[in-house]
Amino acid sequence: MATAQVQLPHDLQAVLKGGDPQIHASFDCLNEQRKGRKVIRARELTIFQGDDPSCWKWIFMPDTNGARVEVAESLEIDVLDVCKKFPVQQLTPSKYHLVYFVLRMEDTAFGFEGHPVTFKLLVPGQKPIERKQDLSKLPRKTWAVVPVGTFYGDPGMAGELKISMSEHGAQSKGGLIVNKLVILPLEEE
């Protein structure tokens, strides 16, 4: 089976360390087979105007492991708003977790330069995590891991994670493909 390349952000270590200084993750932490890994596919995400065929196109493409999966491609949108609520009870307790989107910018992508996308992670009982990233700087036509943040899965935690990416500028934008959202328990060194 063919394997597609995943382009990791050049500053992933800085993002991880900014999330929590106790986490010592390496790029191999993104192992596709990691036990406890939660994958939320594009169809399971709440995408603003995701059912409007003038805004989003649903297509099948090879995933990072080569399997064909359904993804959402933005055609021409004003508002980018992708979110998911996830029950914390389904997470591996007593572990740090990395939350990231797997995205792709097409050659025809437009409207993102100078308009950073806001990534947010709300964890019950913890300080909100928010970061901005200019998606126009992602490599074109390859899957990219875009971190949202890291958090500790306290065994007594209850409620839902709230994960989102958004850009509400009035400019038109398109050419962004949303593949999946991943919640990955990290191995401690």
N, C-alpha and C. Protein backbone atom coordinates (compact mmCIF):
# COMPACT_ATOMS: atom_id res chain seq x y z
N MET A 1 0.85 -1.18 0.00
CA MET A 1 0.00 0.00 0.00
C MET A 1 0.89 1.23 0.00
N ALA A 2 0.58 2.21 -0.84
CA ALA A 2 1.36 3.44 -0.93
C ALA A 2 1.11 4.30 0.30
N THR A 3 2.15 5.02 0.70
CA THR A 3 2.03 5.90 1.84
C THR A 3 2.27 7.33 1.39
N ALA A 4 1.35 8.23 1.72
CA ALA A 4 1.51 9.63 1.36
C ALA A 4 2.39 10.32 2.40
N GLN A 5 3.13 11.32 1.98
CA GLN A 5 3.96 12.10 2.89
C GLN A 5 3.09 13.09 3.65
N VAL A 6 3.40 13.28 4.92
CA VAL A 6 2.73 14.30 5.73
C VAL A 6 3.77 15.35 6.06
N GLN A 7 3.50 16.60 5.74
CA GLN A 7 4.42 17.69 6.01
C GLN A 7 4.14 18.22 7.41
N LEU A 8 5.11 18.07 8.31
CA LEU A 8 4.96 18.57 9.67
C LEU A 8 5.35 20.04 9.71
N PRO A 9 4.72 20.83 10.57
CA PRO A 9 5.09 22.24 10.65
C PRO A 9 6.52 22.36 11.18
N HIS A 10 7.26 23.33 10.65
CA HIS A 10 8.65 23.51 11.05
C HIS A 10 8.77 23.88 12.53
N ASP A 11 7.72 24.42 13.13
CA ASP A 11 7.78 24.87 14.51
C ASP A 11 6.98 23.97 15.46
N LEU A 12 6.79 22.69 15.09
CA LEU A 12 5.98 21.80 15.93
C LEU A 12 6.56 21.68 17.33
N GLN A 13 7.88 21.55 17.44
CA GLN A 13 8.49 21.45 18.77
C GLN A 13 8.17 22.68 19.61
N ALA A 14 8.27 23.87 19.01
CA ALA A 14 7.97 25.11 19.74
C ALA A 14 6.50 25.15 20.15
N VAL A 15 5.61 24.69 19.28
CA VAL A 15 4.18 24.67 19.60
C VAL A 15 3.94 23.74 20.78
N LEU A 16 4.55 22.55 20.72
CA LEU A 16 4.36 21.59 21.81
C LEU A 16 4.92 22.13 23.12
N LYS A 17 6.11 22.69 23.07
CA LYS A 17 6.72 23.20 24.29
C LYS A 17 5.97 24.40 24.82
N GLY A 18 5.38 25.21 23.91
CA GLY A 18 4.58 26.35 24.35
C GLY A 18 3.32 25.90 25.04
N GLY A 19 2.80 24.70 24.68
CA GLY A 19 1.58 24.18 25.29
C GLY A 19 1.81 23.73 26.71
N ASP A 20 2.94 23.08 26.97
CA ASP A 20 3.25 22.61 28.31
C ASP A 20 4.71 22.21 28.35
N PRO A 21 5.52 22.81 29.22
CA PRO A 21 6.95 22.54 29.24
C PRO A 21 7.28 21.11 29.66
N GLN A 22 6.35 20.35 30.22
CA GLN A 22 6.63 18.98 30.64
C GLN A 22 6.54 17.98 29.50
N ILE A 23 6.07 18.42 28.35
CA ILE A 23 5.92 17.50 27.23
C ILE A 23 7.20 17.50 26.41
N HIS A 24 7.72 16.31 26.16
CA HIS A 24 8.92 16.16 25.32
C HIS A 24 8.53 15.24 24.18
N ALA A 25 7.91 15.78 23.16
CA ALA A 25 7.44 14.98 22.04
C ALA A 25 8.39 15.12 20.87
N SER A 26 8.50 14.06 20.09
CA SER A 26 9.27 14.13 18.86
C SER A 26 8.32 13.89 17.70
N PHE A 27 8.81 14.08 16.48
CA PHE A 27 7.94 13.94 15.32
C PHE A 27 7.39 12.52 15.19
N ASP A 28 8.09 11.53 15.75
CA ASP A 28 7.57 10.16 15.65
C ASP A 28 6.36 9.95 16.57
N CYS A 29 6.01 10.97 17.38
CA CYS A 29 4.82 10.86 18.22
C CYS A 29 3.55 10.82 17.38
N LEU A 30 3.66 11.15 16.10
CA LEU A 30 2.49 11.20 15.23
C LEU A 30 2.23 9.85 14.58
N ASN A 31 2.67 8.79 15.20
CA ASN A 31 2.50 7.43 14.72
C ASN A 31 1.01 7.15 14.44
N GLU A 32 0.74 6.72 13.23
CA GLU A 32 -0.65 6.46 12.82
C GLU A 32 -1.30 5.34 13.64
N GLN A 33 -0.52 4.45 14.23
CA GLN A 33 -1.09 3.30 14.94
C GLN A 33 -1.11 3.47 16.45
N ARG A 34 -0.82 4.65 16.95
CA ARG A 34 -0.75 4.87 18.40
C ARG A 34 -2.04 4.45 19.10
N LYS A 35 -1.89 3.64 20.15
CA LYS A 35 -3.04 3.19 20.93
C LYS A 35 -3.71 4.39 21.60
N GLY A 36 -5.01 4.44 21.53
CA GLY A 36 -5.77 5.53 22.13
C GLY A 36 -5.97 6.72 21.22
N ARG A 37 -5.43 6.64 20.01
CA ARG A 37 -5.54 7.73 19.04
C ARG A 37 -6.99 7.85 18.58
N LYS A 38 -7.52 9.08 18.60
CA LYS A 38 -8.89 9.34 18.15
C LYS A 38 -8.83 10.14 16.86
N VAL A 39 -9.49 9.64 15.83
CA VAL A 39 -9.51 10.30 14.53
C VAL A 39 -10.94 10.71 14.23
N ILE A 40 -11.13 11.99 13.96
CA ILE A 40 -12.44 12.53 13.61
C ILE A 40 -12.36 12.98 12.16
N ARG A 41 -13.04 12.26 11.29
CA ARG A 41 -13.01 12.54 9.85
C ARG A 41 -13.80 13.80 9.52
N ALA A 42 -13.55 14.34 8.33
CA ALA A 42 -14.17 15.59 7.91
C ALA A 42 -15.70 15.56 8.04
N ARG A 43 -16.33 14.45 7.67
CA ARG A 43 -17.81 14.36 7.76
C ARG A 43 -18.32 14.44 9.19
N GLU A 44 -17.48 14.11 10.16
CA GLU A 44 -17.87 14.16 11.57
C GLU A 44 -17.66 15.53 12.19
N LEU A 45 -16.99 16.43 11.47
CA LEU A 45 -16.75 17.78 11.95
C LEU A 45 -17.94 18.68 11.61
N THR A 46 -18.14 19.71 12.38
CA THR A 46 -19.14 20.72 12.05
C THR A 46 -18.45 21.78 11.21
N ILE A 47 -18.80 21.85 9.93
CA ILE A 47 -18.20 22.81 9.01
C ILE A 47 -19.28 23.80 8.59
N PHE A 48 -19.06 25.08 8.89
CA PHE A 48 -20.03 26.11 8.55
C PHE A 48 -20.26 26.09 7.04
N GLN A 49 -21.50 25.97 6.61
CA GLN A 49 -21.94 25.88 5.21
C GLN A 49 -21.35 24.66 4.50
N GLY A 50 -21.01 23.62 5.28
CA GLY A 50 -20.41 22.42 4.71
C GLY A 50 -21.31 21.67 3.75
N ASP A 51 -22.62 21.88 3.85
CA ASP A 51 -23.56 21.21 2.95
C ASP A 51 -23.95 22.09 1.76
N ASP A 52 -23.36 23.28 1.66
CA ASP A 52 -23.65 24.18 0.55
C ASP A 52 -22.65 23.91 -0.57
N PRO A 53 -23.10 23.33 -1.70
CA PRO A 53 -22.16 22.96 -2.77
C PRO A 53 -21.49 24.15 -3.44
N SER A 54 -21.94 25.36 -3.18
CA SER A 54 -21.23 26.53 -3.72
C SER A 54 -20.07 26.93 -2.81
N CYS A 55 -20.04 26.39 -1.59
CA CYS A 55 -19.00 26.73 -0.61
C CYS A 55 -17.99 25.60 -0.41
N TRP A 56 -18.48 24.37 -0.34
CA TRP A 56 -17.63 23.22 -0.06
C TRP A 56 -17.93 22.09 -1.03
N LYS A 57 -16.88 21.38 -1.41
CA LYS A 57 -17.01 20.21 -2.27
C LYS A 57 -16.48 19.00 -1.49
N TRP A 58 -17.28 17.93 -1.47
CA TRP A 58 -16.88 16.69 -0.80
C TRP A 58 -16.32 15.74 -1.85
N ILE A 59 -15.07 15.33 -1.63
CA ILE A 59 -14.38 14.48 -2.60
C ILE A 59 -13.64 13.36 -1.86
N PHE A 60 -13.22 12.35 -2.59
CA PHE A 60 -12.40 11.28 -2.02
C PHE A 60 -10.96 11.46 -2.50
N MET A 61 -10.02 11.33 -1.56
CA MET A 61 -8.59 11.48 -1.85
C MET A 61 -7.82 10.46 -1.02
N PRO A 62 -6.57 10.16 -1.42
CA PRO A 62 -5.73 9.32 -0.57
C PRO A 62 -5.39 10.04 0.74
N ASP A 63 -5.55 9.32 1.84
CA ASP A 63 -5.22 9.83 3.17
C ASP A 63 -3.70 9.75 3.36
N THR A 64 -3.24 10.11 4.54
CA THR A 64 -1.81 10.05 4.85
C THR A 64 -1.26 8.63 4.78
N ASN A 65 -2.12 7.62 4.95
CA ASN A 65 -1.68 6.22 4.87
C ASN A 65 -2.00 5.59 3.51
N GLY A 66 -2.50 6.37 2.57
CA GLY A 66 -2.80 5.87 1.23
C GLY A 66 -4.24 5.43 1.01
N ALA A 67 -4.99 5.18 2.08
CA ALA A 67 -6.40 4.77 1.95
C ALA A 67 -7.23 5.96 1.47
N ARG A 68 -8.24 5.68 0.65
CA ARG A 68 -9.10 6.76 0.14
C ARG A 68 -10.13 7.14 1.21
N VAL A 69 -10.21 8.45 1.49
CA VAL A 69 -11.13 8.97 2.50
C VAL A 69 -11.87 10.17 1.93
N GLU A 70 -13.03 10.45 2.51
CA GLU A 70 -13.80 11.62 2.09
C GLU A 70 -13.28 12.85 2.83
N VAL A 71 -13.04 13.92 2.07
CA VAL A 71 -12.53 15.17 2.61
C VAL A 71 -13.39 16.33 2.11
N ALA A 72 -13.24 17.48 2.75
CA ALA A 72 -14.00 18.67 2.36
C ALA A 72 -13.05 19.72 1.80
N GLU A 73 -13.33 20.20 0.58
CA GLU A 73 -12.53 21.25 -0.04
C GLU A 73 -13.33 22.54 -0.10
N SER A 74 -12.76 23.62 0.45
CA SER A 74 -13.43 24.92 0.39
C SER A 74 -13.30 25.46 -1.03
N LEU A 75 -14.43 25.92 -1.57
CA LEU A 75 -14.45 26.47 -2.92
C LEU A 75 -14.28 27.98 -2.87
N GLU A 76 -15.30 28.66 -2.35
CA GLU A 76 -15.23 30.11 -2.14
C GLU A 76 -16.10 30.43 -0.94
N ILE A 77 -15.44 30.73 0.17
CA ILE A 77 -16.15 30.99 1.42
C ILE A 77 -15.68 32.33 1.98
N ASP A 78 -16.54 32.96 2.76
CA ASP A 78 -16.17 34.17 3.50
C ASP A 78 -15.78 33.79 4.93
N VAL A 79 -16.50 32.83 5.51
CA VAL A 79 -16.29 32.42 6.89
C VAL A 79 -15.75 31.00 6.92
N LEU A 80 -14.58 30.84 7.54
CA LEU A 80 -14.04 29.51 7.80
C LEU A 80 -14.35 29.20 9.26
N ASP A 81 -15.13 28.16 9.49
CA ASP A 81 -15.48 27.77 10.85
C ASP A 81 -15.66 26.26 10.88
N VAL A 82 -14.68 25.57 11.46
CA VAL A 82 -14.69 24.12 11.57
C VAL A 82 -14.51 23.79 13.05
N CYS A 83 -15.42 22.98 13.60
CA CYS A 83 -15.31 22.69 15.03
C CYS A 83 -15.79 21.28 15.35
N LYS A 84 -15.47 20.85 16.57
CA LYS A 84 -15.88 19.54 17.05
C LYS A 84 -15.89 19.56 18.57
N LYS A 85 -16.91 18.94 19.15
CA LYS A 85 -16.95 18.67 20.59
C LYS A 85 -16.67 17.19 20.75
N PHE A 86 -15.83 16.84 21.75
CA PHE A 86 -15.43 15.45 21.93
C PHE A 86 -15.47 15.11 23.41
N PRO A 87 -16.17 14.02 23.80
CA PRO A 87 -16.28 13.67 25.22
C PRO A 87 -14.92 13.25 25.80
N VAL A 88 -14.50 13.89 26.89
CA VAL A 88 -13.20 13.58 27.49
C VAL A 88 -13.15 12.17 28.06
N GLN A 89 -14.31 11.58 28.35
CA GLN A 89 -14.34 10.22 28.90
C GLN A 89 -13.80 9.20 27.90
N GLN A 90 -13.74 9.54 26.62
CA GLN A 90 -13.25 8.62 25.59
C GLN A 90 -11.74 8.71 25.38
N LEU A 91 -11.07 9.56 26.17
CA LEU A 91 -9.63 9.74 26.03
C LEU A 91 -8.86 8.81 26.95
N THR A 92 -7.60 8.58 26.63
CA THR A 92 -6.72 7.80 27.50
C THR A 92 -6.40 8.67 28.71
N PRO A 93 -6.79 8.22 29.93
CA PRO A 93 -6.54 9.05 31.11
C PRO A 93 -5.06 9.07 31.49
N SER A 94 -4.70 10.10 32.24
CA SER A 94 -3.34 10.26 32.77
C SER A 94 -2.27 10.32 31.68
N LYS A 95 -2.62 10.93 30.56
CA LYS A 95 -1.66 11.11 29.46
C LYS A 95 -1.78 12.54 28.94
N TYR A 96 -0.68 13.04 28.41
CA TYR A 96 -0.74 14.27 27.63
C TYR A 96 -1.25 13.91 26.25
N HIS A 97 -1.99 14.82 25.64
CA HIS A 97 -2.55 14.61 24.31
C HIS A 97 -2.18 15.78 23.41
N LEU A 98 -1.90 15.46 22.17
CA LEU A 98 -1.68 16.46 21.13
C LEU A 98 -2.92 16.47 20.25
N VAL A 99 -3.46 17.65 19.99
CA VAL A 99 -4.63 17.80 19.12
C VAL A 99 -4.15 18.52 17.86
N TYR A 100 -4.47 17.93 16.70
CA TYR A 100 -4.05 18.56 15.45
C TYR A 100 -5.03 18.26 14.32
N PHE A 101 -5.07 19.19 13.36
CA PHE A 101 -5.81 19.00 12.12
C PHE A 101 -4.84 18.50 11.06
N VAL A 102 -5.34 17.71 10.12
CA VAL A 102 -4.58 17.36 8.92
C VAL A 102 -5.26 18.08 7.77
N LEU A 103 -4.52 19.03 7.18
CA LEU A 103 -5.05 19.93 6.16
C LEU A 103 -4.16 19.89 4.92
N ARG A 104 -4.69 20.43 3.85
CA ARG A 104 -3.94 20.51 2.59
C ARG A 104 -4.34 21.80 1.88
N MET A 105 -3.35 22.51 1.38
CA MET A 105 -3.61 23.70 0.56
C MET A 105 -3.37 23.33 -0.89
N GLU A 106 -4.37 23.59 -1.72
CA GLU A 106 -4.21 23.32 -3.15
C GLU A 106 -3.40 24.43 -3.80
N ASP A 107 -2.89 24.19 -5.01
CA ASP A 107 -2.15 25.22 -5.74
C ASP A 107 -3.02 26.46 -5.97
N THR A 108 -4.32 26.24 -6.07
CA THR A 108 -5.26 27.32 -6.36
C THR A 108 -5.75 28.05 -5.10
N ALA A 109 -5.20 27.71 -3.92
CA ALA A 109 -5.67 28.32 -2.66
C ALA A 109 -5.51 29.84 -2.70
N PHE A 110 -6.48 30.53 -2.12
CA PHE A 110 -6.46 32.00 -2.12
C PHE A 110 -7.16 32.51 -0.87
N GLY A 111 -6.86 33.77 -0.52
CA GLY A 111 -7.56 34.46 0.56
C GLY A 111 -7.04 34.20 1.95
N PHE A 112 -5.98 33.39 2.11
CA PHE A 112 -5.46 33.09 3.44
C PHE A 112 -4.24 33.94 3.80
N GLU A 113 -3.51 34.42 2.79
CA GLU A 113 -2.30 35.20 3.06
C GLU A 113 -2.66 36.47 3.81
N GLY A 114 -1.97 36.69 4.93
CA GLY A 114 -2.22 37.87 5.75
C GLY A 114 -3.46 37.79 6.61
N HIS A 115 -4.13 36.64 6.59
CA HIS A 115 -5.34 36.42 7.38
C HIS A 115 -5.18 35.12 8.16
N PRO A 116 -4.44 35.16 9.29
CA PRO A 116 -4.18 33.93 10.03
C PRO A 116 -5.46 33.28 10.55
N VAL A 117 -5.43 31.97 10.59
CA VAL A 117 -6.54 31.17 11.11
C VAL A 117 -6.31 30.98 12.61
N THR A 118 -7.38 31.10 13.38
CA THR A 118 -7.32 30.91 14.83
C THR A 118 -7.68 29.47 15.17
N PHE A 119 -6.81 28.81 15.93
CA PHE A 119 -7.04 27.45 16.41
C PHE A 119 -7.27 27.54 17.91
N LYS A 120 -8.37 26.92 18.38
CA LYS A 120 -8.72 26.98 19.81
C LYS A 120 -8.96 25.57 20.34
N LEU A 121 -8.57 25.39 21.60
CA LEU A 121 -8.79 24.14 22.32
C LEU A 121 -9.28 24.50 23.71
N LEU A 122 -10.52 24.11 24.01
CA LEU A 122 -11.09 24.32 25.34
C LEU A 122 -11.20 22.96 26.02
N VAL A 123 -10.50 22.83 27.15
CA VAL A 123 -10.47 21.59 27.93
C VAL A 123 -11.15 21.87 29.25
N PRO A 124 -12.12 21.03 29.67
CA PRO A 124 -12.82 21.29 30.94
C PRO A 124 -11.84 21.46 32.11
N GLY A 125 -12.00 22.56 32.83
CA GLY A 125 -11.19 22.82 34.01
C GLY A 125 -9.78 23.31 33.74
N GLN A 126 -9.45 23.57 32.48
CA GLN A 126 -8.09 24.03 32.15
C GLN A 126 -8.15 25.35 31.40
N LYS A 127 -7.02 26.05 31.39
CA LYS A 127 -6.92 27.33 30.69
C LYS A 127 -7.09 27.11 29.19
N PRO A 128 -7.89 27.94 28.50
CA PRO A 128 -8.07 27.79 27.05
C PRO A 128 -6.73 27.96 26.31
N ILE A 129 -6.59 27.21 25.24
CA ILE A 129 -5.42 27.31 24.38
C ILE A 129 -5.87 27.93 23.07
N GLU A 130 -5.15 28.95 22.64
CA GLU A 130 -5.47 29.60 21.37
C GLU A 130 -4.17 29.95 20.67
N ARG A 131 -4.12 29.68 19.38
CA ARG A 131 -2.95 30.05 18.57
C ARG A 131 -3.42 30.42 17.18
N LYS A 132 -2.61 31.21 16.49
CA LYS A 132 -2.93 31.63 15.12
C LYS A 132 -1.85 31.10 14.18
N GLN A 133 -2.27 30.76 12.97
CA GLN A 133 -1.32 30.30 11.96
C GLN A 133 -1.75 30.77 10.58
N ASP A 134 -0.78 31.23 9.83
CA ASP A 134 -1.01 31.65 8.45
C ASP A 134 -0.95 30.40 7.57
N LEU A 135 -2.11 29.91 7.16
CA LEU A 135 -2.16 28.68 6.37
C LEU A 135 -1.60 28.86 4.96
N SER A 136 -1.44 30.10 4.51
CA SER A 136 -0.88 30.32 3.18
C SER A 136 0.58 29.87 3.12
N LYS A 137 1.20 29.69 4.28
CA LYS A 137 2.59 29.25 4.33
C LYS A 137 2.74 27.72 4.33
N LEU A 138 1.62 27.00 4.38
CA LEU A 138 1.70 25.54 4.32
C LEU A 138 2.18 25.11 2.93
N PRO A 139 2.90 24.00 2.85
CA PRO A 139 3.29 23.49 1.54
C PRO A 139 2.04 23.14 0.73
N ARG A 140 2.12 23.28 -0.57
CA ARG A 140 0.97 23.01 -1.44
C ARG A 140 0.92 21.53 -1.84
N LYS A 141 -0.31 21.07 -1.99
CA LYS A 141 -0.60 19.73 -2.53
C LYS A 141 0.02 18.58 -1.74
N THR A 142 0.12 18.76 -0.42
CA THR A 142 0.57 17.68 0.46
C THR A 142 -0.13 17.86 1.81
N TRP A 143 -0.40 16.75 2.49
CA TRP A 143 -1.04 16.83 3.80
C TRP A 143 -0.09 17.46 4.79
N ALA A 144 -0.61 18.35 5.62
CA ALA A 144 0.18 19.02 6.66
C ALA A 144 -0.50 18.85 8.01
N VAL A 145 0.30 18.56 9.01
CA VAL A 145 -0.18 18.48 10.38
C VAL A 145 -0.15 19.90 10.95
N VAL A 146 -1.32 20.38 11.39
CA VAL A 146 -1.42 21.73 11.95
C VAL A 146 -1.86 21.59 13.41
N PRO A 147 -0.93 21.76 14.36
CA PRO A 147 -1.26 21.57 15.77
C PRO A 147 -2.26 22.61 16.28
N VAL A 148 -3.15 22.15 17.14
CA VAL A 148 -4.06 23.05 17.85
C VAL A 148 -3.48 23.32 19.24
N GLY A 149 -3.04 22.26 19.92
CA GLY A 149 -2.45 22.41 21.24
C GLY A 149 -2.32 21.08 21.94
N THR A 150 -1.81 21.13 23.17
CA THR A 150 -1.64 19.94 23.99
C THR A 150 -2.33 20.15 25.33
N PHE A 151 -2.71 19.05 25.97
CA PHE A 151 -3.33 19.13 27.28
C PHE A 151 -3.13 17.81 28.01
N TYR A 152 -3.32 17.85 29.32
CA TYR A 152 -3.21 16.65 30.15
C TYR A 152 -4.60 16.09 30.39
N GLY A 153 -4.79 14.81 30.14
CA GLY A 153 -6.07 14.14 30.35
C GLY A 153 -6.21 13.65 31.78
N ASP A 154 -6.65 14.52 32.65
CA ASP A 154 -6.84 14.19 34.05
C ASP A 154 -7.89 13.08 34.18
N PRO A 155 -7.60 12.02 34.95
CA PRO A 155 -8.55 10.91 35.08
C PRO A 155 -9.92 11.32 35.62
N GLY A 156 -10.02 12.38 36.40
CA GLY A 156 -11.29 12.82 36.96
C GLY A 156 -12.03 13.82 36.09
N MET A 157 -11.48 14.12 34.92
CA MET A 157 -12.08 15.13 34.06
C MET A 157 -13.42 14.65 33.50
N ALA A 158 -14.37 15.58 33.38
CA ALA A 158 -15.67 15.27 32.78
C ALA A 158 -16.04 16.40 31.82
N GLY A 159 -16.92 16.09 30.89
CA GLY A 159 -17.38 17.11 29.96
C GLY A 159 -16.84 16.86 28.56
N GLU A 160 -16.67 17.94 27.80
CA GLU A 160 -16.27 17.83 26.40
C GLU A 160 -15.11 18.76 26.07
N LEU A 161 -14.24 18.26 25.21
CA LEU A 161 -13.25 19.14 24.57
C LEU A 161 -14.00 19.94 23.52
N LYS A 162 -13.61 21.18 23.32
CA LYS A 162 -14.15 21.99 22.23
C LYS A 162 -12.96 22.43 21.39
N ILE A 163 -12.94 21.98 20.15
CA ILE A 163 -11.80 22.20 19.26
C ILE A 163 -12.31 22.95 18.03
N SER A 164 -11.57 23.99 17.62
CA SER A 164 -12.04 24.74 16.45
C SER A 164 -10.89 25.38 15.70
N MET A 165 -11.19 25.67 14.43
CA MET A 165 -10.33 26.55 13.63
C MET A 165 -11.26 27.51 12.91
N SER A 166 -10.88 28.79 12.88
CA SER A 166 -11.77 29.78 12.29
C SER A 166 -11.00 30.97 11.72
N GLU A 167 -11.61 31.58 10.73
CA GLU A 167 -11.13 32.84 10.16
C GLU A 167 -12.37 33.51 9.60
N HIS A 168 -12.75 34.64 10.20
CA HIS A 168 -14.02 35.29 9.86
C HIS A 168 -13.83 36.60 9.10
N GLY A 169 -12.69 36.77 8.44
CA GLY A 169 -12.49 37.98 7.64
C GLY A 169 -13.48 38.00 6.48
N ALA A 170 -13.72 39.19 5.96
CA ALA A 170 -14.72 39.35 4.89
C ALA A 170 -14.19 38.90 3.53
N GLN A 171 -12.87 38.68 3.42
CA GLN A 171 -12.31 38.29 2.12
C GLN A 171 -12.73 36.87 1.75
N SER A 172 -12.87 36.65 0.46
CA SER A 172 -13.15 35.29 -0.02
C SER A 172 -11.89 34.45 0.12
N LYS A 173 -12.10 33.18 0.40
CA LYS A 173 -10.98 32.25 0.54
C LYS A 173 -11.40 30.89 0.04
N GLY A 174 -10.45 30.12 -0.41
CA GLY A 174 -10.75 28.79 -0.91
C GLY A 174 -9.48 28.00 -1.15
N GLY A 175 -9.65 26.74 -1.53
CA GLY A 175 -8.52 25.87 -1.82
C GLY A 175 -7.94 25.16 -0.61
N LEU A 176 -8.63 25.23 0.53
CA LEU A 176 -8.22 24.51 1.74
C LEU A 176 -8.98 23.19 1.78
N ILE A 177 -8.26 22.09 2.00
CA ILE A 177 -8.90 20.79 2.14
C ILE A 177 -8.77 20.33 3.58
N VAL A 178 -9.91 19.98 4.19
CA VAL A 178 -9.96 19.49 5.56
C VAL A 178 -10.08 17.97 5.49
N ASN A 179 -9.09 17.27 6.05
CA ASN A 179 -9.08 15.81 6.05
C ASN A 179 -9.62 15.27 7.36
N LYS A 180 -8.96 15.63 8.48
CA LYS A 180 -9.35 15.04 9.77
C LYS A 180 -8.81 15.87 10.92
N LEU A 181 -9.33 15.56 12.09
CA LEU A 181 -8.88 16.09 13.36
C LEU A 181 -8.41 14.88 14.16
N VAL A 182 -7.25 14.99 14.81
CA VAL A 182 -6.68 13.86 15.55
C VAL A 182 -6.40 14.29 16.98
N ILE A 183 -6.74 13.41 17.92
CA ILE A 183 -6.38 13.58 19.33
C ILE A 183 -5.46 12.41 19.66
N LEU A 184 -4.20 12.71 19.92
CA LEU A 184 -3.18 11.67 20.03
C LEU A 184 -2.55 11.67 21.42
N PRO A 185 -2.66 10.55 22.15
CA PRO A 185 -1.94 10.48 23.44
C PRO A 185 -0.45 10.42 23.16
N LEU A 186 0.32 11.17 23.93
CA LEU A 186 1.77 11.24 23.73
C LEU A 186 2.50 10.30 24.68
N GLU A 187 3.58 9.74 24.18
CA GLU A 187 4.45 8.91 25.02
C GLU A 187 5.35 9.84 25.78
N GLU A 188 5.56 9.55 27.03
CA GLU A 188 6.45 10.38 27.85
C GLU A 188 7.85 9.79 27.80
N GLU A 189 8.85 10.68 27.79
CA GLU A 189 10.23 10.23 27.74
C GLU A 189 10.73 9.92 29.12
